Amino acid sequence: MSNELENTGEALTVISTDSLINIANKAEARIEAVKKIKGLSLRVTNYQDWVDQNGKPYLQTSGGEKIARLFGISWTVEEPRTQQDGDEGHYMVTYKGIFTLGNASIECIGTRSSKDGFFKKYKDGKEQPAGTIDIGDVVKSAYTNLIGNGITRLLGIRNLTYDDLAESGIDVSKITKVEYKTKVKTPQSKSAPVQQPAQSEGLVKVRTIITSVTQFECKNKNVKYIVHGDGEIKYSTFDVKMATLAKSLGGTGVQVDITHKPDAYKTIESIDTLPIEEPNDPGLSKLAEEAAKGLNL
């Protein structure tokens, strides 16, 4: 009887060892797949798709959408929910969405509070009340947070570093840095945005980013919109459609070309977004598909 028990025990040990080896092999394959996915994901983005927040790279919506197209990720998003955040009139905006790749789906949330330092406004050195914050800026930021969370969690590429970005050929010195007291500035220089020759005579074209849009009522009751660009440069317009476009780009870190008159108010003639860069490597999508298969999705 004791011999039978010993033989049975040995058999169980052999089966258990085989299972562990299979698990280890699958785990190793998944690790290699994740490494490949990370490399491909970063290769499809550029410095305009990232911002620096507290010394860490933060994926913008533009970059998330590029990665999503590469791997065939889809998502559905619920309407945003807004709730009070504290007793000073601040609020929290929350998005919830479901992200899908192959047979795998995950639920994620994206949140932003008007308390975040990025949204604070100052006048004469004093912080302005919560009512001066544009809720649209908070909503867009919460949506960006959702997209970044969903895509990076689904692919297993969270906690990326600047070394990761640099190894993929991204010029990290050009990444826009978020500085909470002075809004958005480029990390390498405090100089004004680069001016380029405008197509129309007498106009100035500037490549910059839009940090925010404010407005005020003139004496004649017309509403004037102030578009705040990189380096704390201000541009102006009375055009509602132009202001709406500027607001949709505010705080996203996306570069735009602003064409304005050479007057003291830098009156805006046009705002043009830069085209989204698609992968130069035609085989990149194929590599992404193979990498995703390595995760058995």
C-alpha atoms as a PDB file:
ATOM      1  CA  MET A   1       0.000   0.000   0.000  1.00  0.00           C
ATOM      2  CA  SER A   2       2.833   2.402   0.868  1.00  0.00           C
ATOM      3  CA  ASN A   3       4.513   1.736  -2.505  1.00  0.00           C
ATOM      4  CA  GLU A   4       1.286   2.623  -4.331  1.00  0.00           C
ATOM      5  CA  LEU A   5       1.029   5.876  -2.427  1.00  0.00           C
ATOM      6  CA  GLU A   6       4.630   6.729  -3.207  1.00  0.00           C
ATOM      7  CA  ASN A   7       4.110   6.009  -6.916  1.00  0.00           C
ATOM      8  CA  THR A   8       0.960   8.086  -6.948  1.00  0.00           C
ATOM      9  CA  GLY A   9       2.808  10.907  -5.261  1.00  0.00           C
ATOM     10  CA  GLU A  10       5.598  10.784  -7.827  1.00  0.00           C
ATOM     11  CA  ALA A  11       3.086  10.824 -10.673  1.00  0.00           C
ATOM     12  CA  LEU A  12       1.389  13.875  -9.219  1.00  0.00           C
ATOM     13  CA  THR A  13       4.760  15.575  -8.861  1.00  0.00           C
ATOM     14  CA  VAL A  14       5.607  14.955 -12.523  1.00  0.00           C
ATOM     15  CA  ILE A  15       2.222  16.324 -13.694  1.00  0.00           C
ATOM     16  CA  SER A  16       2.596  19.382 -11.462  1.00  0.00           C
ATOM     17  CA  THR A  17       6.083  20.085 -12.831  1.00  0.00           C
ATOM     18  CA  ASP A  18       4.857  19.865 -16.441  1.00  0.00           C
ATOM     19  CA  SER A  19       2.072  22.293 -15.653  1.00  0.00           C
ATOM     20  CA  LEU A  20       4.481  24.740 -14.069  1.00  0.00           C
ATOM     21  CA  ILE A  21       6.737  24.558 -17.119  1.00  0.00           C
ATOM     22  CA  ASN A  22       3.801  25.278 -19.420  1.00  0.00           C
ATOM     23  CA  ILE A  23       2.730  28.195 -17.253  1.00  0.00           C
ATOM     24  CA  ALA A  24       6.270  29.544 -17.204  1.00  0.00           C
ATOM     25  CA  ASN A  25       6.583  29.238 -20.995  1.00  0.00           C
ATOM     26  CA  LYS A  26       3.277  31.047 -21.538  1.00  0.00           C
ATOM     27  CA  ALA A  27       4.278  33.746 -19.086  1.00  0.00           C
ATOM     28  CA  GLU A  28       7.595  34.234 -20.874  1.00  0.00           C
ATOM     29  CA  ALA A  29       5.813  34.505 -24.218  1.00  0.00           C
ATOM     30  CA  ARG A  30       3.410  37.079 -22.793  1.00  0.00           C
ATOM     31  CA  ILE A  31       6.324  39.121 -21.426  1.00  0.00           C
ATOM     32  CA  GLU A  32       7.897  39.207 -24.879  1.00  0.00           C
ATOM     33  CA  ALA A  33       4.524  40.183 -26.382  1.00  0.00           C
ATOM     34  CA  VAL A  34       4.129  43.056 -23.912  1.00  0.00           C
ATOM     35  CA  LYS A  35       7.654  44.290 -24.711  1.00  0.00           C
ATOM     36  CA  LYS A  36       6.864  44.219 -28.416  1.00  0.00           C
ATOM     37  CA  ILE A  37       3.527  45.980 -27.888  1.00  0.00           C
ATOM     38  CA  LYS A  38       5.218  48.729 -25.874  1.00  0.00           C
ATOM     39  CA  GLY A  39       7.817  49.304 -28.569  1.00  0.00           C
ATOM     40  CA  LEU A  40       5.249  49.399 -31.376  1.00  0.00           C
ATOM     41  CA  SER A  41       2.936  51.675 -29.408  1.00  0.00           C
ATOM     42  CA  LEU A  42       5.664  54.234 -28.828  1.00  0.00           C
ATOM     43  CA  ARG A  43       6.914  54.071 -32.413  1.00  0.00           C
ATOM     44  CA  VAL A  44       3.534  55.205 -33.736  1.00  0.00           C
ATOM     45  CA  THR A  45       3.537  58.333 -31.540  1.00  0.00           C
ATOM     46  CA  ASN A  46       5.680  61.470 -31.533  1.00  0.00           C
ATOM     47  CA  TYR A  47       6.558  64.173 -29.015  1.00  0.00           C
ATOM     48  CA  GLN A  48       3.331  66.057 -29.748  1.00  0.00           C
ATOM     49  CA  ASP A  49       1.345  63.116 -28.357  1.00  0.00           C
ATOM     50  CA  TRP A  50       2.861  63.459 -24.878  1.00  0.00           C
ATOM     51  CA  VAL A  51       3.032  66.060 -22.129  1.00  0.00           C
ATOM     52  CA  ASP A  52       5.152  66.137 -19.010  1.00  0.00           C
ATOM     53  CA  GLN A  53       3.144  66.041 -15.790  1.00  0.00           C
ATOM     54  CA  ASN A  54       5.111  66.048 -12.560  1.00  0.00           C
ATOM     55  CA  GLY A  55       8.190  64.749 -14.343  1.00  0.00           C
ATOM     56  CA  LYS A  56       6.441  61.795 -16.022  1.00  0.00           C
ATOM     57  CA  PRO A  57       5.270  61.361 -19.639  1.00  0.00           C
ATOM     58  CA  TYR A  58       1.486  61.548 -19.992  1.00  0.00           C
ATOM     59  CA  LEU A  59      -0.222  60.177 -23.109  1.00  0.00           C
ATOM     60  CA  GLN A  60      -2.539  62.624 -24.871  1.00  0.00           C
ATOM     61  CA  THR A  61      -5.745  61.673 -26.703  1.00  0.00           C
ATOM     62  CA  SER A  62      -3.994  62.100 -30.062  1.00  0.00           C
ATOM     63  CA  GLY A  63      -1.406  59.473 -29.122  1.00  0.00           C
ATOM     64  CA  GLY A  64      -4.018  57.142 -27.651  1.00  0.00           C
ATOM     65  CA  GLU A  65      -6.021  57.238 -30.868  1.00  0.00           C
ATOM     66  CA  LYS A  66      -2.934  56.412 -32.939  1.00  0.00           C
ATOM     67  CA  ILE A  67      -2.166  53.394 -30.751  1.00  0.00           C
ATOM     68  CA  ALA A  68      -5.818  52.316 -30.821  1.00  0.00           C
ATOM     69  CA  ARG A  69      -5.886  52.361 -34.638  1.00  0.00           C
ATOM     70  CA  LEU A  70      -2.666  50.379 -34.779  1.00  0.00           C
ATOM     71  CA  PHE A  71      -3.996  47.534 -32.623  1.00  0.00           C
ATOM     72  CA  GLY A  72      -7.672  47.747 -33.568  1.00  0.00           C
ATOM     73  CA  ILE A  73      -8.846  48.835 -30.112  1.00  0.00           C
ATOM     74  CA  SER A  74     -12.427  50.069 -29.831  1.00  0.00           C
ATOM     75  CA  TRP A  75     -14.306  51.659 -26.946  1.00  0.00           C
ATOM     76  CA  THR A  76     -17.679  52.911 -25.829  1.00  0.00           C
ATOM     77  CA  VAL A  77     -17.951  55.847 -23.440  1.00  0.00           C
ATOM     78  CA  GLU A  78     -20.816  56.844 -21.161  1.00  0.00           C
ATOM     79  CA  GLU A  79     -21.907  60.444 -20.650  1.00  0.00           C
ATOM     80  CA  PRO A  80     -19.670  62.277 -18.160  1.00  0.00           C
ATOM     81  CA  ARG A  81     -20.799  62.551 -14.544  1.00  0.00           C
ATOM     82  CA  THR A  82     -20.144  65.740 -12.576  1.00  0.00           C
ATOM     83  CA  GLN A  83     -20.203  65.933  -8.788  1.00  0.00           C
ATOM     84  CA  GLN A  84     -19.211  68.448  -6.146  1.00  0.00           C
ATOM     85  CA  ASP A  85     -15.596  68.296  -4.977  1.00  0.00           C
ATOM     86  CA  GLY A  86     -15.243  70.129  -1.665  1.00  0.00           C
ATOM     87  CA  ASP A  87     -16.960  73.231  -0.348  1.00  0.00           C
ATOM     88  CA  GLU A  88     -15.395  75.905  -2.548  1.00  0.00           C
ATOM     89  CA  GLY A  89     -17.470  75.381  -5.677  1.00  0.00           C
ATOM     90  CA  HIS A  90     -15.091  72.872  -7.242  1.00  0.00           C
ATOM     91  CA  TYR A  91     -16.323  69.802  -9.103  1.00  0.00           C
ATOM     92  CA  MET A  92     -15.116  66.403 -10.267  1.00  0.00           C
ATOM     93  CA  VAL A  93     -15.801  65.139 -13.800  1.00  0.00           C
ATOM     94  CA  THR A  94     -15.804  61.358 -14.335  1.00  0.00           C
ATOM     95  CA  TYR A  95     -15.959  59.375 -17.579  1.00  0.00           C
ATOM     96  CA  LYS A  96     -16.527  55.622 -17.697  1.00  0.00           C
ATOM     97  CA  GLY A  97     -15.796  53.486 -20.748  1.00  0.00           C
ATOM     98  CA  ILE A  98     -15.323  49.913 -21.948  1.00  0.00           C
ATOM     99  CA  PHE A  99     -12.229  49.194 -24.069  1.00  0.00           C
ATOM    100  CA  THR A 100     -12.025  46.119 -26.301  1.00  0.00           C
ATOM    101  CA  LEU A 101      -9.213  44.352 -28.120  1.00  0.00           C
ATOM    102  CA  GLY A 102     -10.068  40.999 -29.682  1.00  0.00           C
ATOM    103  CA  ASN A 103     -11.919  38.955 -27.068  1.00  0.00           C
ATOM    104  CA  ALA A 104     -10.652  41.010 -24.131  1.00  0.00           C
ATOM    105  CA  SER A 105     -12.594  43.933 -22.640  1.00  0.00           C
ATOM    106  CA  ILE A 106     -11.946  46.075 -19.588  1.00  0.00           C
ATOM    107  CA  GLU A 107     -13.857  48.866 -17.859  1.00  0.00           C
ATOM    108  CA  CYS A 108     -11.975  52.058 -17.036  1.00  0.00           C
ATOM    109  CA  ILE A 109     -12.685  55.494 -15.655  1.00  0.00           C
ATOM    110  CA  GLY A 110     -11.088  58.869 -16.296  1.00  0.00           C
ATOM    111  CA  THR A 111     -11.396  61.699 -13.788  1.00  0.00           C
ATOM    112  CA  ARG A 112     -10.370  65.313 -13.405  1.00  0.00           C
ATOM    113  CA  SER A 113     -11.129  67.834 -10.694  1.00  0.00           C
ATOM    114  CA  SER A 114     -11.301  71.583 -11.114  1.00  0.00           C
ATOM    115  CA  LYS A 115      -9.032  71.620  -8.042  1.00  0.00           C
ATOM    116  CA  ASP A 116      -6.131  70.335 -10.143  1.00  0.00           C
ATOM    117  CA  GLY A 117      -3.368  72.915 -10.321  1.00  0.00           C
ATOM    118  CA  PHE A 118      -3.470  72.996 -14.115  1.00  0.00           C
ATOM    119  CA  PHE A 119      -6.900  74.666 -14.114  1.00  0.00           C
ATOM    120  CA  LYS A 120      -6.215  77.310 -11.489  1.00  0.00           C
ATOM    121  CA  LYS A 121      -6.392  80.920 -12.614  1.00  0.00           C
ATOM    122  CA  TYR A 122      -4.530  83.827 -11.027  1.00  0.00           C
ATOM    123  CA  LYS A 123      -5.020  87.578 -11.121  1.00  0.00           C
ATOM    124  CA  ASP A 124      -2.586  89.980  -9.494  1.00  0.00           C
ATOM    125  CA  GLY A 125      -0.962  86.983  -7.806  1.00  0.00           C
ATOM    126  CA  LYS A 126      -4.227  85.804  -6.237  1.00  0.00           C
ATOM    127  CA  GLU A 127      -5.975  82.549  -7.035  1.00  0.00           C
ATOM    128  CA  GLN A 128      -9.362  83.120  -8.639  1.00  0.00           C
ATOM    129  CA  PRO A 129     -12.549  81.320  -7.466  1.00  0.00           C
ATOM    130  CA  ALA A 130     -13.687  78.012  -8.974  1.00  0.00           C
ATOM    131  CA  GLY A 131     -16.371  79.794 -11.004  1.00  0.00           C
ATOM    132  CA  THR A 132     -13.714  81.277 -13.288  1.00  0.00           C
ATOM    133  CA  ILE A 133     -12.613  77.816 -14.452  1.00  0.00           C
ATOM    134  CA  ASP A 134     -14.028  76.676 -17.795  1.00  0.00           C
ATOM    135  CA  ILE A 135     -15.838  73.376 -17.167  1.00  0.00           C
ATOM    136  CA  GLY A 136     -15.149  72.426 -20.796  1.00  0.00           C
ATOM    137  CA  ASP A 137     -11.425  72.300 -20.034  1.00  0.00           C
ATOM    138  CA  VAL A 138     -12.037  69.935 -17.111  1.00  0.00           C
ATOM    139  CA  VAL A 139     -14.330  67.713 -19.213  1.00  0.00           C
ATOM    140  CA  LYS A 140     -11.766  67.424 -22.031  1.00  0.00           C
ATOM    141  CA  SER A 141      -9.038  66.582 -19.550  1.00  0.00           C
ATOM    142  CA  ALA A 142     -11.169  63.868 -17.923  1.00  0.00           C
ATOM    143  CA  TYR A 143     -11.827  62.351 -21.350  1.00  0.00           C
ATOM    144  CA  THR A 144      -8.096  62.395 -22.148  1.00  0.00           C
ATOM    145  CA  ASN A 145      -7.456  60.646 -18.840  1.00  0.00           C
ATOM    146  CA  LEU A 146     -10.012  57.960 -19.724  1.00  0.00           C
ATOM    147  CA  ILE A 147      -8.563  57.258 -23.180  1.00  0.00           C
ATOM    148  CA  GLY A 148      -5.010  57.053 -21.847  1.00  0.00           C
ATOM    149  CA  ASN A 149      -6.006  54.789 -18.968  1.00  0.00           C
ATOM    150  CA  GLY A 150      -8.093  52.441 -21.094  1.00  0.00           C
ATOM    151  CA  ILE A 151      -5.597  51.915 -23.888  1.00  0.00           C
ATOM    152  CA  THR A 152      -2.484  51.582 -21.722  1.00  0.00           C
ATOM    153  CA  ARG A 153      -4.205  49.248 -19.257  1.00  0.00           C
ATOM    154  CA  LEU A 154      -5.595  47.044 -22.014  1.00  0.00           C
ATOM    155  CA  LEU A 155      -2.152  46.723 -23.616  1.00  0.00           C
ATOM    156  CA  GLY A 156      -0.278  46.468 -20.323  1.00  0.00           C
ATOM    157  CA  ILE A 157       1.989  49.433 -21.027  1.00  0.00           C
ATOM    158  CA  ARG A 158       1.388  51.686 -18.017  1.00  0.00           C
ATOM    159  CA  ASN A 159       4.119  53.510 -16.064  1.00  0.00           C
ATOM    160  CA  LEU A 160       6.149  54.396 -19.140  1.00  0.00           C
ATOM    161  CA  THR A 161       9.372  56.350 -18.624  1.00  0.00           C
ATOM    162  CA  TYR A 162      11.267  58.937 -20.651  1.00  0.00           C
ATOM    163  CA  ASP A 163      13.887  56.272 -21.322  1.00  0.00           C
ATOM    164  CA  ASP A 164      11.164  54.160 -22.965  1.00  0.00           C
ATOM    165  CA  LEU A 165      10.158  57.093 -25.175  1.00  0.00           C
ATOM    166  CA  ALA A 166      13.738  57.986 -26.087  1.00  0.00           C
ATOM    167  CA  GLU A 167      14.561  54.385 -27.031  1.00  0.00           C
ATOM    168  CA  SER A 168      11.658  54.517 -29.498  1.00  0.00           C
ATOM    169  CA  GLY A 169      13.066  57.587 -31.210  1.00  0.00           C
ATOM    170  CA  ILE A 170      10.844  60.252 -29.603  1.00  0.00           C
ATOM    171  CA  ASP A 171      12.606  63.586 -29.016  1.00  0.00           C
ATOM    172  CA  VAL A 172      11.742  63.993 -25.324  1.00  0.00           C
ATOM    173  CA  SER A 173      13.330  67.463 -25.203  1.00  0.00           C
ATOM    174  CA  LYS A 174      10.415  68.782 -27.276  1.00  0.00           C
ATOM    175  CA  ILE A 175       7.680  67.412 -25.016  1.00  0.00           C
ATOM    176  CA  THR A 176       5.553  70.169 -23.504  1.00  0.00           C
ATOM    177  CA  LYS A 177       5.772  70.467 -19.747  1.00  0.00           C
ATOM    178  CA  VAL A 178       2.815  71.306 -17.524  1.00  0.00           C
ATOM    179  CA  GLU A 179       3.810  73.793 -14.834  1.00  0.00           C
ATOM    180  CA  TYR A 180       0.877  74.434 -12.548  1.00  0.00           C
ATOM    181  CA  LYS A 181       1.717  78.012 -11.625  1.00  0.00           C
ATOM    182  CA  THR A 182       2.495  79.288 -15.083  1.00  0.00           C
ATOM    183  CA  LYS A 183       0.295  76.955 -17.100  1.00  0.00           C
ATOM    184  CA  VAL A 184       2.106  75.375 -20.031  1.00  0.00           C
ATOM    185  CA  LYS A 185       5.645  76.085 -21.135  1.00  0.00           C
ATOM    186  CA  THR A 186       8.119  74.183 -23.228  1.00  0.00           C
ATOM    187  CA  PRO A 187      10.832  72.644 -21.035  1.00  0.00           C
ATOM    188  CA  GLN A 188      13.830  73.578 -23.155  1.00  0.00           C
ATOM    189  CA  SER A 189      13.260  77.309 -23.425  1.00  0.00           C
ATOM    190  CA  LYS A 190      11.115  80.223 -22.308  1.00  0.00           C
ATOM    191  CA  SER A 191      11.338  81.867 -25.702  1.00  0.00           C
ATOM    192  CA  ALA A 192       8.285  82.827 -27.735  1.00  0.00           C
ATOM    193  CA  PRO A 193       6.738  80.356 -30.204  1.00  0.00           C
ATOM    194  CA  VAL A 194       8.377  79.951 -33.591  1.00  0.00           C
ATOM    195  CA  GLN A 195       7.091  82.431 -36.167  1.00  0.00           C
ATOM    196  CA  GLN A 196       6.791  81.325 -39.758  1.00  0.00           C
ATOM    197  CA  PRO A 197       6.060  83.266 -42.943  1.00  0.00           C
ATOM    198  CA  ALA A 198       2.295  83.509 -43.475  1.00  0.00           C
ATOM    199  CA  GLN A 199       0.785  82.704 -46.831  1.00  0.00           C
ATOM    200  CA  SER A 200      -1.023  86.060 -47.004  1.00  0.00           C
ATOM    201  CA  GLU A 201       0.943  89.296 -47.076  1.00  0.00           C
ATOM    202  CA  GLY A 202       0.925  91.219 -43.810  1.00  0.00           C
ATOM    203  CA  LEU A 203      -0.081  88.228 -41.670  1.00  0.00           C
ATOM    204  CA  VAL A 204       2.012  86.261 -39.173  1.00  0.00           C
ATOM    205  CA  LYS A 205       1.819  82.495 -38.728  1.00  0.00           C
ATOM    206  CA  VAL A 206       2.871  81.023 -35.386  1.00  0.00           C
ATOM    207  CA  ARG A 207       3.210  77.350 -34.478  1.00  0.00           C
ATOM    208  CA  THR A 208       2.209  76.948 -30.854  1.00  0.00           C
ATOM    209  CA  ILE A 209      -0.126  75.129 -28.465  1.00  0.00           C
ATOM    210  CA  ILE A 210      -3.296  76.505 -26.892  1.00  0.00           C
ATOM    211  CA  THR A 211      -3.362  76.383 -23.100  1.00  0.00           C
ATOM    212  CA  SER A 212      -6.753  78.011 -22.463  1.00  0.00           C
ATOM    213  CA  VAL A 213      -9.358  80.460 -23.755  1.00  0.00           C
ATOM    214  CA  THR A 214     -10.862  83.301 -21.720  1.00  0.00           C
ATOM    215  CA  GLN A 215     -13.457  85.888 -22.640  1.00  0.00           C
ATOM    216  CA  PHE A 216     -14.827  89.255 -21.562  1.00  0.00           C
ATOM    217  CA  GLU A 217     -17.535  91.663 -22.647  1.00  0.00           C
ATOM    218  CA  CYS A 218     -16.445  94.892 -24.312  1.00  0.00           C
ATOM    219  CA  LYS A 219     -18.122  98.255 -23.776  1.00  0.00           C
ATOM    220  CA  ASN A 220     -20.132  97.756 -26.951  1.00  0.00           C
ATOM    221  CA  LYS A 221     -21.436  94.433 -25.526  1.00  0.00           C
ATOM    222  CA  ASN A 222     -19.433  92.347 -27.992  1.00  0.00           C
ATOM    223  CA  VAL A 223     -17.668  89.337 -26.510  1.00  0.00           C
ATOM    224  CA  LYS A 224     -13.931  89.158 -27.071  1.00  0.00           C
ATOM    225  CA  TYR A 225     -12.089  85.853 -26.743  1.00  0.00           C
ATOM    226  CA  ILE A 226      -8.468  85.652 -25.652  1.00  0.00           C
ATOM    227  CA  VAL A 227      -6.580  82.564 -26.818  1.00  0.00           C
ATOM    228  CA  HIS A 228      -3.622  81.833 -24.533  1.00  0.00           C
ATOM    229  CA  GLY A 229      -0.710  80.204 -26.336  1.00  0.00           C
ATOM    230  CA  ASP A 230       2.687  78.802 -25.453  1.00  0.00           C
ATOM    231  CA  GLY A 231       5.042  81.187 -23.678  1.00  0.00           C
ATOM    232  CA  GLU A 232       2.059  83.102 -22.248  1.00  0.00           C
ATOM    233  CA  ILE A 233       1.459  84.751 -25.646  1.00  0.00           C
ATOM    234  CA  LYS A 234      -2.126  85.974 -26.121  1.00  0.00           C
ATOM    235  CA  TYR A 235      -4.152  86.108 -29.332  1.00  0.00           C
ATOM    236  CA  SER A 236      -7.643  87.545 -29.761  1.00  0.00           C
ATOM    237  CA  THR A 237     -10.820  87.036 -31.777  1.00  0.00           C
ATOM    238  CA  PHE A 238     -14.480  88.015 -31.805  1.00  0.00           C
ATOM    239  CA  ASP A 239     -15.346  84.946 -33.906  1.00  0.00           C
ATOM    240  CA  VAL A 240     -17.391  82.445 -31.868  1.00  0.00           C
ATOM    241  CA  LYS A 241     -16.527  79.510 -34.152  1.00  0.00           C
ATOM    242  CA  MET A 242     -12.826  80.340 -33.896  1.00  0.00           C
ATOM    243  CA  ALA A 243     -13.095  80.537 -30.116  1.00  0.00           C
ATOM    244  CA  THR A 244     -14.961  77.217 -29.964  1.00  0.00           C
ATOM    245  CA  LEU A 245     -12.220  75.525 -31.988  1.00  0.00           C
ATOM    246  CA  ALA A 246      -9.566  77.037 -29.722  1.00  0.00           C
ATOM    247  CA  LYS A 247     -11.410  75.822 -26.607  1.00  0.00           C
ATOM    248  CA  SER A 248     -11.570  72.273 -27.990  1.00  0.00           C
ATOM    249  CA  LEU A 249      -7.767  72.329 -28.369  1.00  0.00           C
ATOM    250  CA  GLY A 250      -7.015  74.050 -25.071  1.00  0.00           C
ATOM    251  CA  GLY A 251      -4.872  72.033 -22.691  1.00  0.00           C
ATOM    252  CA  THR A 252      -4.468  69.088 -25.080  1.00  0.00           C
ATOM    253  CA  GLY A 253      -0.833  69.817 -25.962  1.00  0.00           C
ATOM    254  CA  VAL A 254      -1.654  69.507 -29.669  1.00  0.00           C
ATOM    255  CA  GLN A 255       0.348  71.894 -31.840  1.00  0.00           C
ATOM    256  CA  VAL A 256      -1.525  74.311 -34.114  1.00  0.00           C
ATOM    257  CA  ASP A 257      -0.695  77.030 -36.615  1.00  0.00           C
ATOM    258  CA  ILE A 258      -2.264  80.367 -35.642  1.00  0.00           C
ATOM    259  CA  THR A 259      -2.321  83.009 -38.358  1.00  0.00           C
ATOM    260  CA  HIS A 260      -2.891  86.520 -36.990  1.00  0.00           C
ATOM    261  CA  LYS A 261      -2.682  90.163 -37.933  1.00  0.00           C
ATOM    262  CA  PRO A 262       0.499  92.003 -36.903  1.00  0.00           C
ATOM    263  CA  ASP A 263      -1.441  94.304 -34.583  1.00  0.00           C
ATOM    264  CA  ALA A 264      -1.180  94.794 -30.813  1.00  0.00           C
ATOM    265  CA  TYR A 265      -4.062  92.367 -30.206  1.00  0.00           C
ATOM    266  CA  LYS A 266      -2.696  89.621 -32.490  1.00  0.00           C
ATOM    267  CA  THR A 267      -6.148  89.311 -34.070  1.00  0.00           C
ATOM    268  CA  ILE A 268      -6.617  85.718 -35.254  1.00  0.00           C
ATOM    269  CA  GLU A 269      -7.344  85.057 -38.921  1.00  0.00           C
ATOM    270  CA  SER A 270      -7.224  81.254 -38.752  1.00  0.00           C
ATOM    271  CA  ILE A 271      -6.330  78.281 -36.554  1.00  0.00           C
ATOM    272  CA  ASP A 272      -5.083  75.166 -38.328  1.00  0.00           C
ATOM    273  CA  THR A 273      -4.393  71.837 -36.665  1.00  0.00           C
ATOM    274  CA  LEU A 274      -1.454  69.767 -37.843  1.00  0.00           C
ATOM    275  CA  PRO A 275      -2.192  66.487 -39.632  1.00  0.00           C
ATOM    276  CA  ILE A 276      -1.933  63.317 -37.558  1.00  0.00           C
ATOM    277  CA  GLU A 277       1.130  61.354 -38.517  1.00  0.00           C
ATOM    278  CA  GLU A 278       0.425  57.801 -39.593  1.00  0.00           C
ATOM    279  CA  PRO A 279       3.005  55.001 -39.226  1.00  0.00           C
ATOM    280  CA  ASN A 280       5.737  55.280 -41.829  1.00  0.00           C
ATOM    281  CA  ASP A 281       6.416  51.566 -41.634  1.00  0.00           C
ATOM    282  CA  PRO A 282       3.738  49.698 -43.639  1.00  0.00           C
ATOM    283  CA  GLY A 283       4.538  46.537 -41.684  1.00  0.00           C
ATOM    284  CA  LEU A 284       3.837  48.155 -38.319  1.00  0.00           C
ATOM    285  CA  SER A 285       0.169  47.096 -38.247  1.00  0.00           C
ATOM    286  CA  LYS A 286       1.167  43.512 -39.052  1.00  0.00           C
ATOM    287  CA  LEU A 287       3.678  43.509 -36.198  1.00  0.00           C
ATOM    288  CA  ALA A 288       1.036  44.917 -33.872  1.00  0.00           C
ATOM    289  CA  GLU A 289      -1.382  42.146 -34.838  1.00  0.00           C
ATOM    290  CA  GLU A 290       1.250  39.487 -34.137  1.00  0.00           C
ATOM    291  CA  ALA A 291       2.140  41.080 -30.799  1.00  0.00           C
ATOM    292  CA  ALA A 292      -1.529  41.127 -29.732  1.00  0.00           C
ATOM    293  CA  LYS A 293      -1.822  37.446 -30.623  1.00  0.00           C
ATOM    294  CA  GLY A 294       1.019  36.815 -28.197  1.00  0.00           C
ATOM    295  CA  LEU A 295      -1.333  37.916 -25.412  1.00  0.00           C
ATOM    296  CA  ASN A 296      -3.972  35.426 -26.600  1.00  0.00           C
ATOM    297  CA  LEU A 297      -6.555  38.218 -26.943  1.00  0.00           C
END
